[in-house]
Amino acid sequence: MAARTTEGDEPVARATAGRDGYGVGRLLAFSDGVFAIAITLLVLSIPIPDIDPAAPDLNQRLVDALRHLLPFLAGFGLSFVLVGAHWIIHHRTFRGIERADGRLLWLNLLVLLGICLVPFATSLLIRYGDAPVVTIAYAAVQVGISLAYFALRTYLAGLGGATHTSATLGLIQLSGFAISIPVALVSVKGAYVLWLSGIAVARVLDGWHRRSRR
């Protein structure tokens, strides 16, 4: 497979060529659709306050109800950022890829499988966020997505379409969620701290890596 570097970004490559390859356009269109639907469904996890409009203290009740929605909004915000970050990673990973083989299609489907589960995991998290089992389930979904990305980027790196460093950086965010799984049995809040720390460190290292390649 031929590869070339352009404008300081990651190598641009053909995953396969000839009759064994598939055009990448449908793969990207389908993937973008899955990401769009998943990120939109997240808002359904936020319930609308059910208050009698004729109540004399309607305004105060609404204020109290909206205050109680803060955990829901926090869960929504977390998942929105994560799905958005996964979409950005997906966009960068496939930038310049012109052909895809069957293995690449299946690896991409594994990523999308995890993305589809995020709205469900988010609904569980914001309703039963104090339960360790729910925290573990949410973390497990994120670990699965990160592992699928690692396999995808490692495969492309082997073909010259990505770098092994970029694939390894994805494990940083994974480690925060993975370590949080046993920690959640002891402290759910501690697990949340590990999530945020892993996300923050991964974003910083990714930015440093991209700047160093320019």
C-alpha atoms as a PDB file:
ATOM      1  CA  MET A   1       0.000   0.000   0.000  1.00  0.00           C
ATOM      2  CA  ALA A   2       1.364   3.411  -0.889  1.00  0.00           C
ATOM      3  CA  ALA A   3       1.440   6.142   1.724  1.00  0.00           C
ATOM      4  CA  ARG A   4       2.324   9.792   1.643  1.00  0.00           C
ATOM      5  CA  THR A   5       2.453  12.643   4.133  1.00  0.00           C
ATOM      6  CA  THR A   6       0.717  15.940   3.511  1.00  0.00           C
ATOM      7  CA  GLU A   7       0.699  19.285   5.366  1.00  0.00           C
ATOM      8  CA  GLY A   8       2.165  17.782   8.517  1.00  0.00           C
ATOM      9  CA  ASP A   9      -0.831  15.561   9.200  1.00  0.00           C
ATOM     10  CA  GLU A  10      -0.892  11.809   9.616  1.00  0.00           C
ATOM     11  CA  PRO A  11       0.105   9.785   6.552  1.00  0.00           C
ATOM     12  CA  VAL A  12      -2.484   9.551   3.822  1.00  0.00           C
ATOM     13  CA  ALA A  13      -2.900   6.014   2.543  1.00  0.00           C
ATOM     14  CA  ARG A  14      -4.852   3.451   0.564  1.00  0.00           C
ATOM     15  CA  ALA A  15      -6.005   0.612   2.805  1.00  0.00           C
ATOM     16  CA  THR A  16      -6.188  -1.696  -0.225  1.00  0.00           C
ATOM     17  CA  ALA A  17      -6.251  -1.346  -3.937  1.00  0.00           C
ATOM     18  CA  GLY A  18      -7.803  -3.085  -6.889  1.00  0.00           C
ATOM     19  CA  ARG A  19     -10.710  -5.479  -6.832  1.00  0.00           C
ATOM     20  CA  ASP A  20     -10.144  -6.458  -3.185  1.00  0.00           C
ATOM     21  CA  GLY A  21     -10.869  -2.945  -1.970  1.00  0.00           C
ATOM     22  CA  TYR A  22     -14.083  -0.979  -1.385  1.00  0.00           C
ATOM     23  CA  GLY A  23     -14.700   2.707  -1.782  1.00  0.00           C
ATOM     24  CA  VAL A  24     -14.539   4.431   1.590  1.00  0.00           C
ATOM     25  CA  GLY A  25     -17.383   6.866   0.862  1.00  0.00           C
ATOM     26  CA  ARG A  26     -20.209   4.608   2.007  1.00  0.00           C
ATOM     27  CA  LEU A  27     -18.238   3.618   5.114  1.00  0.00           C
ATOM     28  CA  LEU A  28     -17.850   7.263   6.119  1.00  0.00           C
ATOM     29  CA  ALA A  29     -21.465   8.151   5.312  1.00  0.00           C
ATOM     30  CA  PHE A  30     -22.777   5.239   7.365  1.00  0.00           C
ATOM     31  CA  SER A  31     -20.400   5.995  10.241  1.00  0.00           C
ATOM     32  CA  ASP A  32     -21.336   9.687  10.323  1.00  0.00           C
ATOM     33  CA  GLY A  33     -24.998   8.694  10.425  1.00  0.00           C
ATOM     34  CA  VAL A  34     -24.428   6.424  13.413  1.00  0.00           C
ATOM     35  CA  PHE A  35     -22.495   9.123  15.266  1.00  0.00           C
ATOM     36  CA  ALA A  36     -25.177  11.719  14.493  1.00  0.00           C
ATOM     37  CA  ILE A  37     -28.020   9.508  15.713  1.00  0.00           C
ATOM     38  CA  ALA A  38     -26.141   8.432  18.850  1.00  0.00           C
ATOM     39  CA  ILE A  39     -25.238  11.984  19.868  1.00  0.00           C
ATOM     40  CA  THR A  40     -28.819  13.127  19.241  1.00  0.00           C
ATOM     41  CA  LEU A  41     -30.351  10.293  21.272  1.00  0.00           C
ATOM     42  CA  LEU A  42     -28.330  11.433  24.285  1.00  0.00           C
ATOM     43  CA  VAL A  43     -30.710  14.332  24.869  1.00  0.00           C
ATOM     44  CA  LEU A  44     -33.578  11.857  25.394  1.00  0.00           C
ATOM     45  CA  SER A  45     -31.894  10.814  28.633  1.00  0.00           C
ATOM     46  CA  ILE A  46     -32.847  14.219  30.118  1.00  0.00           C
ATOM     47  CA  PRO A  47     -36.434  14.064  31.442  1.00  0.00           C
ATOM     48  CA  ILE A  48     -38.808  16.999  31.119  1.00  0.00           C
ATOM     49  CA  PRO A  49     -40.137  18.144  34.529  1.00  0.00           C
ATOM     50  CA  ASP A  50     -43.728  17.015  35.080  1.00  0.00           C
ATOM     51  CA  ILE A  51     -45.364  19.895  36.930  1.00  0.00           C
ATOM     52  CA  ASP A  52     -48.949  21.079  36.869  1.00  0.00           C
ATOM     53  CA  PRO A  53     -48.977  24.362  34.873  1.00  0.00           C
ATOM     54  CA  ALA A  54     -51.798  25.603  37.114  1.00  0.00           C
ATOM     55  CA  ALA A  55     -49.744  25.237  40.300  1.00  0.00           C
ATOM     56  CA  PRO A  56     -49.611  28.552  42.208  1.00  0.00           C
ATOM     57  CA  ASP A  57     -45.861  28.205  42.858  1.00  0.00           C
ATOM     58  CA  LEU A  58     -45.068  27.010  39.346  1.00  0.00           C
ATOM     59  CA  ASN A  59     -41.942  29.121  38.944  1.00  0.00           C
ATOM     60  CA  GLN A  60     -40.335  27.834  42.157  1.00  0.00           C
ATOM     61  CA  ARG A  61     -41.234  24.255  41.337  1.00  0.00           C
ATOM     62  CA  LEU A  62     -39.636  24.633  37.933  1.00  0.00           C
ATOM     63  CA  VAL A  63     -36.490  26.059  39.490  1.00  0.00           C
ATOM     64  CA  ASP A  64     -36.309  23.125  41.909  1.00  0.00           C
ATOM     65  CA  ALA A  65     -36.992  20.625  39.117  1.00  0.00           C
ATOM     66  CA  LEU A  66     -34.306  22.111  36.895  1.00  0.00           C
ATOM     67  CA  ARG A  67     -31.874  22.011  39.804  1.00  0.00           C
ATOM     68  CA  HIS A  68     -32.585  18.303  40.188  1.00  0.00           C
ATOM     69  CA  LEU A  69     -31.741  17.858  36.512  1.00  0.00           C
ATOM     70  CA  LEU A  70     -28.111  18.870  37.047  1.00  0.00           C
ATOM     71  CA  PRO A  71     -26.896  15.232  37.351  1.00  0.00           C
ATOM     72  CA  PHE A  72     -28.775  14.418  34.131  1.00  0.00           C
ATOM     73  CA  LEU A  73     -27.149  17.362  32.368  1.00  0.00           C
ATOM     74  CA  ALA A  74     -23.728  16.333  33.665  1.00  0.00           C
ATOM     75  CA  GLY A  75     -24.168  12.803  32.316  1.00  0.00           C
ATOM     76  CA  PHE A  76     -25.418  14.179  29.012  1.00  0.00           C
ATOM     77  CA  GLY A  77     -22.473  16.581  28.800  1.00  0.00           C
ATOM     78  CA  LEU A  78     -19.934  13.847  29.527  1.00  0.00           C
ATOM     79  CA  SER A  79     -21.319  11.501  26.888  1.00  0.00           C
ATOM     80  CA  PHE A  80     -21.750  14.323  24.368  1.00  0.00           C
ATOM     81  CA  VAL A  81     -18.075  15.230  24.734  1.00  0.00           C
ATOM     82  CA  LEU A  82     -17.003  11.587  24.495  1.00  0.00           C
ATOM     83  CA  VAL A  83     -19.093  10.800  21.414  1.00  0.00           C
ATOM     84  CA  GLY A  84     -17.911  14.041  19.836  1.00  0.00           C
ATOM     85  CA  ALA A  85     -14.294  13.160  20.611  1.00  0.00           C
ATOM     86  CA  HIS A  86     -14.787   9.689  19.148  1.00  0.00           C
ATOM     87  CA  TRP A  87     -16.199  11.249  15.984  1.00  0.00           C
ATOM     88  CA  ILE A  88     -13.182  13.570  15.701  1.00  0.00           C
ATOM     89  CA  ILE A  89     -10.842  10.591  16.138  1.00  0.00           C
ATOM     90  CA  HIS A  90     -12.795   8.687  13.496  1.00  0.00           C
ATOM     91  CA  HIS A  91     -12.597  11.657  11.131  1.00  0.00           C
ATOM     92  CA  ARG A  92      -8.834  11.973  11.591  1.00  0.00           C
ATOM     93  CA  THR A  93      -8.257   8.230  11.329  1.00  0.00           C
ATOM     94  CA  PHE A  94      -9.969   7.964   7.960  1.00  0.00           C
ATOM     95  CA  ARG A  95      -8.675  11.221   6.536  1.00  0.00           C
ATOM     96  CA  GLY A  96      -7.036  10.398   3.238  1.00  0.00           C
ATOM     97  CA  ILE A  97      -8.057   6.725   3.235  1.00  0.00           C
ATOM     98  CA  GLU A  98      -9.322   6.029  -0.258  1.00  0.00           C
ATOM     99  CA  ARG A  99      -9.998   2.295  -0.151  1.00  0.00           C
ATOM    100  CA  ALA A 100     -11.065  -0.131   2.569  1.00  0.00           C
ATOM    101  CA  ASP A 101     -10.845  -3.895   2.768  1.00  0.00           C
ATOM    102  CA  GLY A 102     -13.166  -6.294   4.581  1.00  0.00           C
ATOM    103  CA  ARG A 103     -11.127  -6.318   7.779  1.00  0.00           C
ATOM    104  CA  LEU A 104     -11.225  -2.543   7.999  1.00  0.00           C
ATOM    105  CA  LEU A 105     -15.000  -2.585   7.524  1.00  0.00           C
ATOM    106  CA  TRP A 106     -15.458  -5.010  10.410  1.00  0.00           C
ATOM    107  CA  LEU A 107     -13.099  -3.085  12.700  1.00  0.00           C
ATOM    108  CA  ASN A 108     -15.077   0.063  11.923  1.00  0.00           C
ATOM    109  CA  LEU A 109     -18.311  -1.750  12.786  1.00  0.00           C
ATOM    110  CA  LEU A 110     -16.838  -2.680  16.178  1.00  0.00           C
ATOM    111  CA  VAL A 111     -16.265   1.011  16.877  1.00  0.00           C
ATOM    112  CA  LEU A 112     -19.825   1.847  15.838  1.00  0.00           C
ATOM    113  CA  LEU A 113     -21.190  -0.943  18.033  1.00  0.00           C
ATOM    114  CA  GLY A 114     -19.742   0.804  21.061  1.00  0.00           C
ATOM    115  CA  ILE A 115     -21.016   4.194  19.923  1.00  0.00           C
ATOM    116  CA  CYS A 116     -24.552   2.783  19.607  1.00  0.00           C
ATOM    117  CA  LEU A 117     -24.414   1.626  23.235  1.00  0.00           C
ATOM    118  CA  VAL A 118     -23.441   5.040  24.629  1.00  0.00           C
ATOM    119  CA  PRO A 119     -27.014   6.482  24.831  1.00  0.00           C
ATOM    120  CA  PHE A 120     -28.195   3.369  26.713  1.00  0.00           C
ATOM    121  CA  ALA A 121     -25.210   3.476  29.073  1.00  0.00           C
ATOM    122  CA  THR A 122     -25.772   7.200  29.607  1.00  0.00           C
ATOM    123  CA  SER A 123     -29.423   6.679  30.590  1.00  0.00           C
ATOM    124  CA  LEU A 124     -28.327   4.113  33.165  1.00  0.00           C
ATOM    125  CA  LEU A 125     -25.585   6.372  34.458  1.00  0.00           C
ATOM    126  CA  ILE A 126     -27.717   9.447  35.056  1.00  0.00           C
ATOM    127  CA  ARG A 127     -30.513   7.481  36.702  1.00  0.00           C
ATOM    128  CA  TYR A 128     -28.445   5.131  38.853  1.00  0.00           C
ATOM    129  CA  GLY A 129     -25.085   6.895  38.913  1.00  0.00           C
ATOM    130  CA  ASP A 130     -24.418   6.014  42.556  1.00  0.00           C
ATOM    131  CA  ALA A 131     -24.540   2.280  41.844  1.00  0.00           C
ATOM    132  CA  PRO A 132     -21.099   0.742  41.213  1.00  0.00           C
ATOM    133  CA  VAL A 133     -22.481  -1.738  38.681  1.00  0.00           C
ATOM    134  CA  VAL A 134     -23.779   1.096  36.475  1.00  0.00           C
ATOM    135  CA  THR A 135     -20.492   2.969  36.729  1.00  0.00           C
ATOM    136  CA  ILE A 136     -18.681  -0.206  35.725  1.00  0.00           C
ATOM    137  CA  ALA A 137     -21.061  -0.766  32.799  1.00  0.00           C
ATOM    138  CA  TYR A 138     -20.505   2.753  31.461  1.00  0.00           C
ATOM    139  CA  ALA A 139     -16.744   2.417  31.829  1.00  0.00           C
ATOM    140  CA  ALA A 140     -16.836  -0.970  30.098  1.00  0.00           C
ATOM    141  CA  VAL A 141     -18.575   0.560  27.062  1.00  0.00           C
ATOM    142  CA  GLN A 142     -15.896   3.250  26.819  1.00  0.00           C
ATOM    143  CA  VAL A 143     -13.131   0.664  27.212  1.00  0.00           C
ATOM    144  CA  GLY A 144     -14.696  -1.372  24.411  1.00  0.00           C
ATOM    145  CA  ILE A 145     -14.802   1.647  22.101  1.00  0.00           C
ATOM    146  CA  SER A 146     -11.181   2.524  22.860  1.00  0.00           C
ATOM    147  CA  LEU A 147     -10.039  -1.062  22.248  1.00  0.00           C
ATOM    148  CA  ALA A 148     -11.882  -1.109  18.921  1.00  0.00           C
ATOM    149  CA  TYR A 149     -10.184   2.156  17.952  1.00  0.00           C
ATOM    150  CA  PHE A 150      -6.820   0.764  19.011  1.00  0.00           C
ATOM    151  CA  ALA A 151      -7.320  -2.294  16.805  1.00  0.00           C
ATOM    152  CA  LEU A 152      -8.473  -0.099  13.921  1.00  0.00           C
ATOM    153  CA  ARG A 153      -5.568   2.330  14.132  1.00  0.00           C
ATOM    154  CA  THR A 154      -3.036  -0.451  14.707  1.00  0.00           C
ATOM    155  CA  TYR A 155      -4.282  -2.187  11.575  1.00  0.00           C
ATOM    156  CA  LEU A 156      -3.955   1.013   9.565  1.00  0.00           C
ATOM    157  CA  ALA A 157      -0.504   1.637  11.060  1.00  0.00           C
ATOM    158  CA  GLY A 158       0.584  -1.778   9.843  1.00  0.00           C
ATOM    159  CA  LEU A 159      -0.495  -0.760   6.342  1.00  0.00           C
ATOM    160  CA  GLY A 160       1.147   2.646   6.546  1.00  0.00           C
ATOM    161  CA  GLY A 161      -2.077   4.581   6.967  1.00  0.00           C
ATOM    162  CA  ALA A 162      -1.460   5.748  10.537  1.00  0.00           C
ATOM    163  CA  THR A 163       1.269   5.798  13.162  1.00  0.00           C
ATOM    164  CA  HIS A 164       1.709   3.347  16.000  1.00  0.00           C
ATOM    165  CA  THR A 165       2.081   6.356  18.302  1.00  0.00           C
ATOM    166  CA  SER A 166      -1.391   7.626  17.476  1.00  0.00           C
ATOM    167  CA  ALA A 167      -2.779   4.148  18.167  1.00  0.00           C
ATOM    168  CA  THR A 168      -0.983   3.962  21.516  1.00  0.00           C
ATOM    169  CA  LEU A 169      -2.219   7.402  22.606  1.00  0.00           C
ATOM    170  CA  GLY A 170      -5.749   6.037  22.461  1.00  0.00           C
ATOM    171  CA  LEU A 171      -4.852   3.696  25.305  1.00  0.00           C
ATOM    172  CA  ILE A 172      -4.353   6.654  27.661  1.00  0.00           C
ATOM    173  CA  GLN A 173      -8.067   7.433  27.777  1.00  0.00           C
ATOM    174  CA  LEU A 174      -8.826   3.712  27.924  1.00  0.00           C
ATOM    175  CA  SER A 175      -6.626   3.320  31.014  1.00  0.00           C
ATOM    176  CA  GLY A 176      -8.665   5.862  32.984  1.00  0.00           C
ATOM    177  CA  PHE A 177     -11.895   3.966  32.352  1.00  0.00           C
ATOM    178  CA  ALA A 178     -10.266   0.550  32.801  1.00  0.00           C
ATOM    179  CA  ILE A 179      -8.720   1.420  36.168  1.00  0.00           C
ATOM    180  CA  SER A 180     -12.028   2.935  37.287  1.00  0.00           C
ATOM    181  CA  ILE A 181     -13.781  -0.444  37.022  1.00  0.00           C
ATOM    182  CA  PRO A 182     -12.248  -1.963  40.190  1.00  0.00           C
ATOM    183  CA  VAL A 183     -12.117   1.480  41.843  1.00  0.00           C
ATOM    184  CA  ALA A 184     -15.900   1.863  41.426  1.00  0.00           C
ATOM    185  CA  LEU A 185     -16.416  -1.060  43.818  1.00  0.00           C
ATOM    186  CA  VAL A 186     -14.834   1.079  46.514  1.00  0.00           C
ATOM    187  CA  SER A 187     -15.637   4.631  45.431  1.00  0.00           C
ATOM    188  CA  VAL A 188     -17.927   5.694  42.595  1.00  0.00           C
ATOM    189  CA  LYS A 189     -16.729   9.291  42.875  1.00  0.00           C
ATOM    190  CA  GLY A 190     -13.148   8.070  42.614  1.00  0.00           C
ATOM    191  CA  ALA A 191     -14.086   6.309  39.383  1.00  0.00           C
ATOM    192  CA  TYR A 192     -15.522   9.556  38.016  1.00  0.00           C
ATOM    193  CA  VAL A 193     -12.262  11.359  38.833  1.00  0.00           C
ATOM    194  CA  LEU A 194     -10.324   8.719  36.912  1.00  0.00           C
ATOM    195  CA  TRP A 195     -12.629   9.168  33.908  1.00  0.00           C
ATOM    196  CA  LEU A 196     -12.091  12.912  33.775  1.00  0.00           C
ATOM    197  CA  SER A 197      -8.348  12.575  34.394  1.00  0.00           C
ATOM    198  CA  GLY A 198      -7.940  10.035  31.601  1.00  0.00           C
ATOM    199  CA  ILE A 199      -9.918  12.190  29.170  1.00  0.00           C
ATOM    200  CA  ALA A 200      -7.938  15.326  30.059  1.00  0.00           C
ATOM    201  CA  VAL A 201      -4.532  13.629  29.805  1.00  0.00           C
ATOM    202  CA  ALA A 202      -5.474  11.972  26.508  1.00  0.00           C
ATOM    203  CA  ARG A 203      -6.528  15.294  25.004  1.00  0.00           C
ATOM    204  CA  VAL A 204      -3.307  17.011  26.151  1.00  0.00           C
ATOM    205  CA  LEU A 205      -1.065  14.231  24.804  1.00  0.00           C
ATOM    206  CA  ASP A 206      -2.997  14.079  21.540  1.00  0.00           C
ATOM    207  CA  GLY A 207      -2.554  17.821  21.067  1.00  0.00           C
ATOM    208  CA  TRP A 208       1.160  17.549  21.831  1.00  0.00           C
ATOM    209  CA  HIS A 209       1.548  14.654  19.416  1.00  0.00           C
ATOM    210  CA  ARG A 210      -0.202  16.521  16.591  1.00  0.00           C
ATOM    211  CA  ARG A 211       1.879  19.672  17.150  1.00  0.00           C
ATOM    212  CA  SER A 212       5.115  17.656  17.167  1.00  0.00           C
ATOM    213  CA  ARG A 213       4.276  16.240  13.727  1.00  0.00           C
ATOM    214  CA  ARG A 214       3.960  19.644  12.091  1.00  0.00           C
END
